[in-house]
Amino acid sequence: MLTSTVQIDDYDVAEFTDVAAVFGQNRYSFVVTPNADHMIRLDEDVSFRKIYADAGFVLFDSRFLSHILRFTRGLRIPVCTGSDLTARLFSQVIAPDDPIVLIGCNDKQAAQLVETYGLQRLAHFNPPMGFINDASQVEAVLDFVEAHSPFRFCFLAVGAPQQELLAQQLKARNVARGLALCVGASINFLTGAEQRAPKWMQGMGMEWMYRLVQAPGLMAKRYLIRCPRIFKLLRHTAIALRPALYEHAVSLHDGTQLETAL
């Protein structure tokens, strides 16, 4: 029996790139990108579910899960990975004089973005490890983002659930204006700090295996111990696939939902 629902917006990378390109800087919203780890967090963490409820856009990040859903349930869920979206925004949407905020990553990576894309207004802040447990450090991050608002895009690259918590708090404070994106390791891939899987592995949904082989000590717990829970979880999960309409993007939550059971 289905006991929980995850809402997904019906956008692939190209479609949401168009939405992000016209989002503007007179309001605030944030993007989350659920993968298998996020799905597990949603099942076990009430506070994480509340963050997702506050998100303006929920973009499916897992080709692996999309293949499973298609082969086992006949569902076709559009995939918009944070890594692909981030790369496309930098290469096709962001102009040199756009105000951009980057939270996370090191100074070398920020400098590389500036050089590669000719950015003139990149504001970068890299909080220390464990910052989310220090209220003063969290406040420093929020203050930094708000001080550089309005921005076209704010890339939150400090991992889950830290980046999602920041995005939610920015919404609650109602000072920042622009689109914030919770992008995890996307900037690492974009700058070459980490290598993405070959395209054929990405297409097969096996990018997780490539990351596991590249960093087994770091990724084994996630992919071999934690993430297999997803197979049991999917038995009692439904997806509400929200239509990919521009009107929905503008109003964010217009109440229109198309319920599709897993």
C-alpha atoms as a PDB file:
ATOM      1  CA  MET A   1       0.000   0.000   0.000  1.00  0.00           C
ATOM      2  CA  LEU A   2       1.249   3.489  -0.895  1.00  0.00           C
ATOM      3  CA  THR A   3       1.870   5.522   2.241  1.00  0.00           C
ATOM      4  CA  SER A   4       3.908   8.537   1.075  1.00  0.00           C
ATOM      5  CA  THR A   5       4.154  10.878  -1.895  1.00  0.00           C
ATOM      6  CA  VAL A   6       7.077  12.701  -3.472  1.00  0.00           C
ATOM      7  CA  GLN A   7       6.219  15.584  -5.789  1.00  0.00           C
ATOM      8  CA  ILE A   8       8.370  15.968  -8.896  1.00  0.00           C
ATOM      9  CA  ASP A   9       8.223  18.761 -11.458  1.00  0.00           C
ATOM     10  CA  ASP A  10       7.892  17.599 -15.048  1.00  0.00           C
ATOM     11  CA  TYR A  11      11.066  19.170 -16.455  1.00  0.00           C
ATOM     12  CA  ASP A  12      14.081  17.740 -18.184  1.00  0.00           C
ATOM     13  CA  VAL A  13      17.353  19.706 -18.333  1.00  0.00           C
ATOM     14  CA  ALA A  14      16.511  21.708 -21.455  1.00  0.00           C
ATOM     15  CA  GLU A  15      13.032  22.589 -20.231  1.00  0.00           C
ATOM     16  CA  PHE A  16      14.118  23.770 -16.825  1.00  0.00           C
ATOM     17  CA  THR A  17      17.035  25.716 -18.281  1.00  0.00           C
ATOM     18  CA  ASP A  18      14.434  27.796 -20.101  1.00  0.00           C
ATOM     19  CA  VAL A  19      12.479  28.299 -16.872  1.00  0.00           C
ATOM     20  CA  ALA A  20      15.585  29.326 -14.923  1.00  0.00           C
ATOM     21  CA  ALA A  21      16.688  31.698 -17.683  1.00  0.00           C
ATOM     22  CA  VAL A  22      13.577  33.857 -17.235  1.00  0.00           C
ATOM     23  CA  PHE A  23      13.099  33.497 -13.478  1.00  0.00           C
ATOM     24  CA  GLY A  24      14.271  37.033 -12.736  1.00  0.00           C
ATOM     25  CA  GLN A  25      15.521  38.762  -9.584  1.00  0.00           C
ATOM     26  CA  ASN A  26      12.360  40.217  -8.086  1.00  0.00           C
ATOM     27  CA  ARG A  27      11.362  37.164  -6.070  1.00  0.00           C
ATOM     28  CA  TYR A  28      13.015  34.199  -4.360  1.00  0.00           C
ATOM     29  CA  SER A  29      12.659  30.481  -4.816  1.00  0.00           C
ATOM     30  CA  PHE A  30      14.898  27.451  -4.547  1.00  0.00           C
ATOM     31  CA  VAL A  31      15.543  24.223  -6.417  1.00  0.00           C
ATOM     32  CA  VAL A  32      16.075  20.781  -4.889  1.00  0.00           C
ATOM     33  CA  THR A  33      17.245  17.739  -6.847  1.00  0.00           C
ATOM     34  CA  PRO A  34      16.127  14.434  -5.318  1.00  0.00           C
ATOM     35  CA  ASN A  35      18.257  11.334  -5.794  1.00  0.00           C
ATOM     36  CA  ALA A  36      18.151   7.992  -3.974  1.00  0.00           C
ATOM     37  CA  ASP A  37      19.754   9.456  -0.844  1.00  0.00           C
ATOM     38  CA  HIS A  38      17.222  12.295  -0.774  1.00  0.00           C
ATOM     39  CA  MET A  39      14.331   9.867  -1.201  1.00  0.00           C
ATOM     40  CA  ILE A  40      15.542   8.002   1.880  1.00  0.00           C
ATOM     41  CA  ARG A  41      15.892  11.256   3.820  1.00  0.00           C
ATOM     42  CA  LEU A  42      12.353  12.195   2.851  1.00  0.00           C
ATOM     43  CA  ASP A  43      11.125   8.914   4.257  1.00  0.00           C
ATOM     44  CA  GLU A  44      12.929   9.169   7.594  1.00  0.00           C
ATOM     45  CA  ASP A  45      13.286  12.900   8.316  1.00  0.00           C
ATOM     46  CA  VAL A  46      10.241  15.111   8.905  1.00  0.00           C
ATOM     47  CA  SER A  47      12.310  18.316   8.723  1.00  0.00           C
ATOM     48  CA  PHE A  48      13.678  17.313   5.320  1.00  0.00           C
ATOM     49  CA  ARG A  49      10.130  16.741   4.067  1.00  0.00           C
ATOM     50  CA  LYS A  50       9.243  20.255   5.206  1.00  0.00           C
ATOM     51  CA  ILE A  51      12.155  21.654   3.212  1.00  0.00           C
ATOM     52  CA  TYR A  52      10.906  19.885   0.093  1.00  0.00           C
ATOM     53  CA  ALA A  53       7.431  21.253   0.721  1.00  0.00           C
ATOM     54  CA  ASP A  54       8.924  24.765   0.732  1.00  0.00           C
ATOM     55  CA  ALA A  55      10.938  24.256  -2.462  1.00  0.00           C
ATOM     56  CA  GLY A  56       9.721  26.014  -5.565  1.00  0.00           C
ATOM     57  CA  PHE A  57      11.100  23.343  -7.890  1.00  0.00           C
ATOM     58  CA  VAL A  58      11.759  19.632  -7.351  1.00  0.00           C
ATOM     59  CA  LEU A  59      13.834  18.190 -10.214  1.00  0.00           C
ATOM     60  CA  PHE A  60      14.494  14.456 -10.442  1.00  0.00           C
ATOM     61  CA  ASP A  61      18.246  13.881 -10.253  1.00  0.00           C
ATOM     62  CA  SER A  62      18.519  10.102 -10.631  1.00  0.00           C
ATOM     63  CA  ARG A  63      18.719   8.330 -13.984  1.00  0.00           C
ATOM     64  CA  PHE A  64      19.188   5.113 -12.022  1.00  0.00           C
ATOM     65  CA  LEU A  65      15.797   5.489 -10.342  1.00  0.00           C
ATOM     66  CA  SER A  66      14.173   6.711 -13.540  1.00  0.00           C
ATOM     67  CA  HIS A  67      15.232   3.473 -15.267  1.00  0.00           C
ATOM     68  CA  ILE A  68      13.911   1.379 -12.379  1.00  0.00           C
ATOM     69  CA  LEU A  69      10.576   3.176 -12.442  1.00  0.00           C
ATOM     70  CA  ARG A  70      10.251   2.762 -16.187  1.00  0.00           C
ATOM     71  CA  PHE A  71      11.154  -0.928 -16.256  1.00  0.00           C
ATOM     72  CA  THR A  72       9.194  -1.990 -13.164  1.00  0.00           C
ATOM     73  CA  ARG A  73       6.193   0.355 -13.205  1.00  0.00           C
ATOM     74  CA  GLY A  74       6.008   1.698 -16.746  1.00  0.00           C
ATOM     75  CA  LEU A  75       6.535   5.281 -15.543  1.00  0.00           C
ATOM     76  CA  ARG A  76       8.552   7.833 -17.459  1.00  0.00           C
ATOM     77  CA  ILE A  77       9.917  10.420 -15.049  1.00  0.00           C
ATOM     78  CA  PRO A  78      11.924  13.276 -16.612  1.00  0.00           C
ATOM     79  CA  VAL A  79      15.471  13.611 -15.336  1.00  0.00           C
ATOM     80  CA  CYS A  80      17.125  16.948 -14.645  1.00  0.00           C
ATOM     81  CA  THR A  81      20.381  16.283 -12.825  1.00  0.00           C
ATOM     82  CA  GLY A  82      21.906  19.106 -10.822  1.00  0.00           C
ATOM     83  CA  SER A  83      25.252  18.566 -12.528  1.00  0.00           C
ATOM     84  CA  ASP A  84      23.860  18.837 -16.050  1.00  0.00           C
ATOM     85  CA  LEU A  85      21.687  21.805 -15.118  1.00  0.00           C
ATOM     86  CA  THR A  86      24.581  23.668 -13.489  1.00  0.00           C
ATOM     87  CA  ALA A  87      26.821  23.112 -16.506  1.00  0.00           C
ATOM     88  CA  ARG A  88      24.131  24.329 -18.881  1.00  0.00           C
ATOM     89  CA  LEU A  89      23.369  27.441 -16.851  1.00  0.00           C
ATOM     90  CA  PHE A  90      27.015  28.460 -16.837  1.00  0.00           C
ATOM     91  CA  SER A  91      27.592  27.703 -20.509  1.00  0.00           C
ATOM     92  CA  GLN A  92      24.299  28.900 -22.012  1.00  0.00           C
ATOM     93  CA  VAL A  93      22.473  31.238 -19.647  1.00  0.00           C
ATOM     94  CA  ILE A  94      24.759  33.170 -17.304  1.00  0.00           C
ATOM     95  CA  ALA A  95      26.147  36.389 -18.790  1.00  0.00           C
ATOM     96  CA  PRO A  96      29.487  37.848 -17.661  1.00  0.00           C
ATOM     97  CA  ASP A  97      27.845  40.710 -15.770  1.00  0.00           C
ATOM     98  CA  ASP A  98      25.177  38.620 -14.040  1.00  0.00           C
ATOM     99  CA  PRO A  99      25.347  38.687 -10.222  1.00  0.00           C
ATOM    100  CA  ILE A 100      26.118  35.110  -9.121  1.00  0.00           C
ATOM    101  CA  VAL A 101      26.578  33.769  -5.586  1.00  0.00           C
ATOM    102  CA  LEU A 102      28.525  30.590  -4.847  1.00  0.00           C
ATOM    103  CA  ILE A 103      28.416  28.974  -1.409  1.00  0.00           C
ATOM    104  CA  GLY A 104      30.944  26.182  -0.949  1.00  0.00           C
ATOM    105  CA  CYS A 105      33.950  25.037  -3.022  1.00  0.00           C
ATOM    106  CA  ASN A 106      37.411  26.556  -2.632  1.00  0.00           C
ATOM    107  CA  ASP A 107      38.926  29.792  -3.868  1.00  0.00           C
ATOM    108  CA  LYS A 108      40.727  28.033  -6.717  1.00  0.00           C
ATOM    109  CA  GLN A 109      37.442  26.673  -8.049  1.00  0.00           C
ATOM    110  CA  ALA A 110      35.783  30.067  -7.797  1.00  0.00           C
ATOM    111  CA  ALA A 111      38.691  31.647  -9.678  1.00  0.00           C
ATOM    112  CA  GLN A 112      38.420  28.951 -12.328  1.00  0.00           C
ATOM    113  CA  LEU A 113      34.733  29.753 -12.866  1.00  0.00           C
ATOM    114  CA  VAL A 114      35.562  33.435 -13.214  1.00  0.00           C
ATOM    115  CA  GLU A 115      38.249  32.706 -15.807  1.00  0.00           C
ATOM    116  CA  THR A 116      36.332  30.079 -17.767  1.00  0.00           C
ATOM    117  CA  TYR A 117      33.069  31.992 -18.045  1.00  0.00           C
ATOM    118  CA  GLY A 118      34.322  35.574 -17.814  1.00  0.00           C
ATOM    119  CA  LEU A 119      32.301  36.250 -14.687  1.00  0.00           C
ATOM    120  CA  GLN A 120      32.542  39.803 -13.402  1.00  0.00           C
ATOM    121  CA  ARG A 121      30.222  39.595 -10.385  1.00  0.00           C
ATOM    122  CA  LEU A 122      30.805  36.241  -8.687  1.00  0.00           C
ATOM    123  CA  ALA A 123      30.468  36.465  -4.899  1.00  0.00           C
ATOM    124  CA  HIS A 124      32.035  33.433  -3.225  1.00  0.00           C
ATOM    125  CA  PHE A 125      31.866  32.244   0.377  1.00  0.00           C
ATOM    126  CA  ASN A 126      33.153  28.887   1.611  1.00  0.00           C
ATOM    127  CA  PRO A 127      31.967  28.084   5.144  1.00  0.00           C
ATOM    128  CA  PRO A 128      34.093  25.752   7.288  1.00  0.00           C
ATOM    129  CA  MET A 129      33.387  22.053   7.654  1.00  0.00           C
ATOM    130  CA  GLY A 130      30.582  21.448  10.124  1.00  0.00           C
ATOM    131  CA  PHE A 131      29.299  25.016   9.826  1.00  0.00           C
ATOM    132  CA  ILE A 132      25.679  23.878   9.932  1.00  0.00           C
ATOM    133  CA  ASN A 133      26.075  22.991  13.635  1.00  0.00           C
ATOM    134  CA  ASP A 134      27.269  26.486  14.525  1.00  0.00           C
ATOM    135  CA  ALA A 135      24.492  29.090  14.527  1.00  0.00           C
ATOM    136  CA  SER A 136      26.948  31.944  14.059  1.00  0.00           C
ATOM    137  CA  GLN A 137      28.463  30.281  10.983  1.00  0.00           C
ATOM    138  CA  VAL A 138      25.038  29.638   9.499  1.00  0.00           C
ATOM    139  CA  GLU A 139      24.148  33.276  10.125  1.00  0.00           C
ATOM    140  CA  ALA A 140      27.339  34.343   8.366  1.00  0.00           C
ATOM    141  CA  VAL A 141      26.374  32.358   5.271  1.00  0.00           C
ATOM    142  CA  LEU A 142      22.829  33.720   5.220  1.00  0.00           C
ATOM    143  CA  ASP A 143      24.063  37.280   5.720  1.00  0.00           C
ATOM    144  CA  PHE A 144      26.535  36.866   2.858  1.00  0.00           C
ATOM    145  CA  VAL A 145      23.872  35.649   0.447  1.00  0.00           C
ATOM    146  CA  GLU A 146      21.472  38.399   1.445  1.00  0.00           C
ATOM    147  CA  ALA A 147      24.194  41.052   1.162  1.00  0.00           C
ATOM    148  CA  HIS A 148      24.676  40.002  -2.474  1.00  0.00           C
ATOM    149  CA  SER A 149      20.973  39.969  -3.310  1.00  0.00           C
ATOM    150  CA  PRO A 150      19.377  40.367  -5.756  1.00  0.00           C
ATOM    151  CA  PHE A 151      21.314  37.709  -7.656  1.00  0.00           C
ATOM    152  CA  ARG A 152      20.496  35.846 -10.818  1.00  0.00           C
ATOM    153  CA  PHE A 153      21.529  32.506  -9.353  1.00  0.00           C
ATOM    154  CA  CYS A 154      22.845  31.362  -5.992  1.00  0.00           C
ATOM    155  CA  PHE A 155      24.594  27.996  -6.173  1.00  0.00           C
ATOM    156  CA  LEU A 156      24.526  26.198  -2.829  1.00  0.00           C
ATOM    157  CA  ALA A 157      27.251  23.557  -3.064  1.00  0.00           C
ATOM    158  CA  VAL A 158      27.732  22.343   0.505  1.00  0.00           C
ATOM    159  CA  GLY A 159      25.998  18.962   0.322  1.00  0.00           C
ATOM    160  CA  ALA A 160      22.701  17.640   1.638  1.00  0.00           C
ATOM    161  CA  PRO A 161      21.009  18.450   3.890  1.00  0.00           C
ATOM    162  CA  GLN A 162      23.091  21.589   4.643  1.00  0.00           C
ATOM    163  CA  GLN A 163      22.390  23.303   1.326  1.00  0.00           C
ATOM    164  CA  GLU A 164      18.658  22.603   1.516  1.00  0.00           C
ATOM    165  CA  LEU A 165      18.508  23.984   5.064  1.00  0.00           C
ATOM    166  CA  LEU A 166      20.202  27.185   3.893  1.00  0.00           C
ATOM    167  CA  ALA A 167      17.806  27.517   0.972  1.00  0.00           C
ATOM    168  CA  GLN A 168      14.799  27.101   3.248  1.00  0.00           C
ATOM    169  CA  GLN A 169      16.088  29.640   5.780  1.00  0.00           C
ATOM    170  CA  LEU A 170      16.695  32.158   3.025  1.00  0.00           C
ATOM    171  CA  LYS A 171      13.073  31.765   2.019  1.00  0.00           C
ATOM    172  CA  ALA A 172      11.851  32.129   5.611  1.00  0.00           C
ATOM    173  CA  ARG A 173      13.868  35.333   6.132  1.00  0.00           C
ATOM    174  CA  ASN A 174      12.377  36.806   2.933  1.00  0.00           C
ATOM    175  CA  VAL A 175      15.321  39.074   2.157  1.00  0.00           C
ATOM    176  CA  ALA A 176      17.119  37.352  -0.713  1.00  0.00           C
ATOM    177  CA  ARG A 177      15.851  37.679  -4.268  1.00  0.00           C
ATOM    178  CA  GLY A 178      16.805  35.388  -7.124  1.00  0.00           C
ATOM    179  CA  LEU A 179      16.884  31.647  -7.772  1.00  0.00           C
ATOM    180  CA  ALA A 180      18.887  29.423  -5.405  1.00  0.00           C
ATOM    181  CA  LEU A 181      19.914  25.956  -6.521  1.00  0.00           C
ATOM    182  CA  CYS A 182      21.019  23.113  -4.250  1.00  0.00           C
ATOM    183  CA  VAL A 183      23.656  21.544  -6.500  1.00  0.00           C
ATOM    184  CA  GLY A 184      25.854  19.300  -4.326  1.00  0.00           C
ATOM    185  CA  ALA A 185      29.051  18.301  -6.118  1.00  0.00           C
ATOM    186  CA  SER A 186      28.071  19.936  -9.416  1.00  0.00           C
ATOM    187  CA  ILE A 187      30.711  22.673  -9.186  1.00  0.00           C
ATOM    188  CA  ASN A 188      33.342  20.030  -8.427  1.00  0.00           C
ATOM    189  CA  PHE A 189      32.453  18.289 -11.688  1.00  0.00           C
ATOM    190  CA  LEU A 190      32.316  21.556 -13.597  1.00  0.00           C
ATOM    191  CA  THR A 191      35.790  22.625 -12.444  1.00  0.00           C
ATOM    192  CA  GLY A 192      37.376  19.186 -12.709  1.00  0.00           C
ATOM    193  CA  ALA A 193      37.890  18.738  -8.960  1.00  0.00           C
ATOM    194  CA  GLU A 194      35.941  15.497  -9.403  1.00  0.00           C
ATOM    195  CA  GLN A 195      35.505  13.488 -12.569  1.00  0.00           C
ATOM    196  CA  ARG A 196      32.045  12.548 -13.813  1.00  0.00           C
ATOM    197  CA  ALA A 197      31.337   9.123 -15.171  1.00  0.00           C
ATOM    198  CA  PRO A 198      31.633   8.584 -18.940  1.00  0.00           C
ATOM    199  CA  LYS A 199      28.520   9.520 -20.881  1.00  0.00           C
ATOM    200  CA  TRP A 200      27.579   5.895 -21.489  1.00  0.00           C
ATOM    201  CA  MET A 201      27.580   5.197 -17.752  1.00  0.00           C
ATOM    202  CA  GLN A 202      25.533   8.339 -17.103  1.00  0.00           C
ATOM    203  CA  GLY A 203      22.983   7.253 -19.678  1.00  0.00           C
ATOM    204  CA  MET A 204      22.655   3.825 -18.074  1.00  0.00           C
ATOM    205  CA  GLY A 205      22.142   5.343 -14.635  1.00  0.00           C
ATOM    206  CA  MET A 206      25.430   3.889 -13.380  1.00  0.00           C
ATOM    207  CA  GLU A 207      27.130   7.129 -12.373  1.00  0.00           C
ATOM    208  CA  TRP A 208      26.883   6.030  -8.741  1.00  0.00           C
ATOM    209  CA  MET A 209      29.096   3.014  -9.511  1.00  0.00           C
ATOM    210  CA  TYR A 210      31.741   5.239 -11.094  1.00  0.00           C
ATOM    211  CA  ARG A 211      31.808   7.480  -8.020  1.00  0.00           C
ATOM    212  CA  LEU A 212      32.043   4.420  -5.785  1.00  0.00           C
ATOM    213  CA  VAL A 213      35.050   3.075  -7.704  1.00  0.00           C
ATOM    214  CA  GLN A 214      36.730   6.501  -7.715  1.00  0.00           C
ATOM    215  CA  ALA A 215      36.300   7.072  -3.954  1.00  0.00           C
ATOM    216  CA  PRO A 216      35.323   3.810  -2.232  1.00  0.00           C
ATOM    217  CA  GLY A 217      36.254   5.013   1.250  1.00  0.00           C
ATOM    218  CA  LEU A 218      34.007   8.040   0.909  1.00  0.00           C
ATOM    219  CA  MET A 219      31.117   6.541  -1.036  1.00  0.00           C
ATOM    220  CA  ALA A 220      30.831   2.930   0.200  1.00  0.00           C
ATOM    221  CA  LYS A 221      28.594   3.729   3.152  1.00  0.00           C
ATOM    222  CA  ARG A 222      26.205   5.734   0.985  1.00  0.00           C
ATOM    223  CA  TYR A 223      25.966   3.437  -2.016  1.00  0.00           C
ATOM    224  CA  LEU A 224      26.438  -0.027  -0.492  1.00  0.00           C
ATOM    225  CA  ILE A 225      24.823   0.338   2.923  1.00  0.00           C
ATOM    226  CA  ARG A 226      22.386   3.247   2.889  1.00  0.00           C
ATOM    227  CA  CYS A 227      21.036   3.530  -0.648  1.00  0.00           C
ATOM    228  CA  PRO A 228      19.840  -0.092  -1.110  1.00  0.00           C
ATOM    229  CA  ARG A 229      17.002   0.903   1.234  1.00  0.00           C
ATOM    230  CA  ILE A 230      15.488   2.671  -1.753  1.00  0.00           C
ATOM    231  CA  PHE A 231      14.143  -0.605  -3.198  1.00  0.00           C
ATOM    232  CA  LYS A 232      12.018  -1.271  -0.127  1.00  0.00           C
ATOM    233  CA  LEU A 233      11.019   2.381   0.158  1.00  0.00           C
ATOM    234  CA  LEU A 234       9.650   2.537  -3.385  1.00  0.00           C
ATOM    235  CA  ARG A 235       7.056  -0.092  -2.506  1.00  0.00           C
ATOM    236  CA  HIS A 236       5.138   2.438  -0.415  1.00  0.00           C
ATOM    237  CA  THR A 237       5.938   5.637  -2.290  1.00  0.00           C
ATOM    238  CA  ALA A 238       3.897   7.526  -4.870  1.00  0.00           C
ATOM    239  CA  ILE A 239       4.936  10.367  -7.131  1.00  0.00           C
ATOM    240  CA  ALA A 240       2.874  13.463  -7.837  1.00  0.00           C
ATOM    241  CA  LEU A 241       4.146  14.610 -11.222  1.00  0.00           C
ATOM    242  CA  ARG A 242       3.448  18.330 -11.479  1.00  0.00           C
ATOM    243  CA  PRO A 243       2.904  19.677 -15.010  1.00  0.00           C
ATOM    244  CA  ALA A 244       5.806  21.541 -16.594  1.00  0.00           C
ATOM    245  CA  LEU A 245       4.033  24.809 -17.275  1.00  0.00           C
ATOM    246  CA  TYR A 246       5.565  28.258 -17.290  1.00  0.00           C
ATOM    247  CA  GLU A 247       2.560  29.513 -15.309  1.00  0.00           C
ATOM    248  CA  HIS A 248       3.478  26.999 -12.621  1.00  0.00           C
ATOM    249  CA  ALA A 249       7.059  28.271 -12.619  1.00  0.00           C
ATOM    250  CA  VAL A 250       5.930  31.827 -12.055  1.00  0.00           C
ATOM    251  CA  SER A 251       3.384  31.133  -9.350  1.00  0.00           C
ATOM    252  CA  LEU A 252       5.560  28.333  -7.933  1.00  0.00           C
ATOM    253  CA  HIS A 253       2.781  26.474  -6.138  1.00  0.00           C
ATOM    254  CA  ASP A 254      -0.456  26.833  -8.097  1.00  0.00           C
ATOM    255  CA  GLY A 255      -2.049  23.792  -6.501  1.00  0.00           C
ATOM    256  CA  THR A 256      -2.162  21.802  -9.757  1.00  0.00           C
ATOM    257  CA  GLN A 257      -1.007  18.218  -9.292  1.00  0.00           C
ATOM    258  CA  LEU A 258      -1.156  15.105 -11.404  1.00  0.00           C
ATOM    259  CA  GLU A 259      -1.033  12.094  -9.083  1.00  0.00           C
ATOM    260  CA  THR A 260       0.841   9.103 -10.448  1.00  0.00           C
ATOM    261  CA  ALA A 261       1.374   6.050  -8.252  1.00  0.00           C
ATOM    262  CA  LEU A 262       4.659   4.212  -8.214  1.00  0.00           C
END
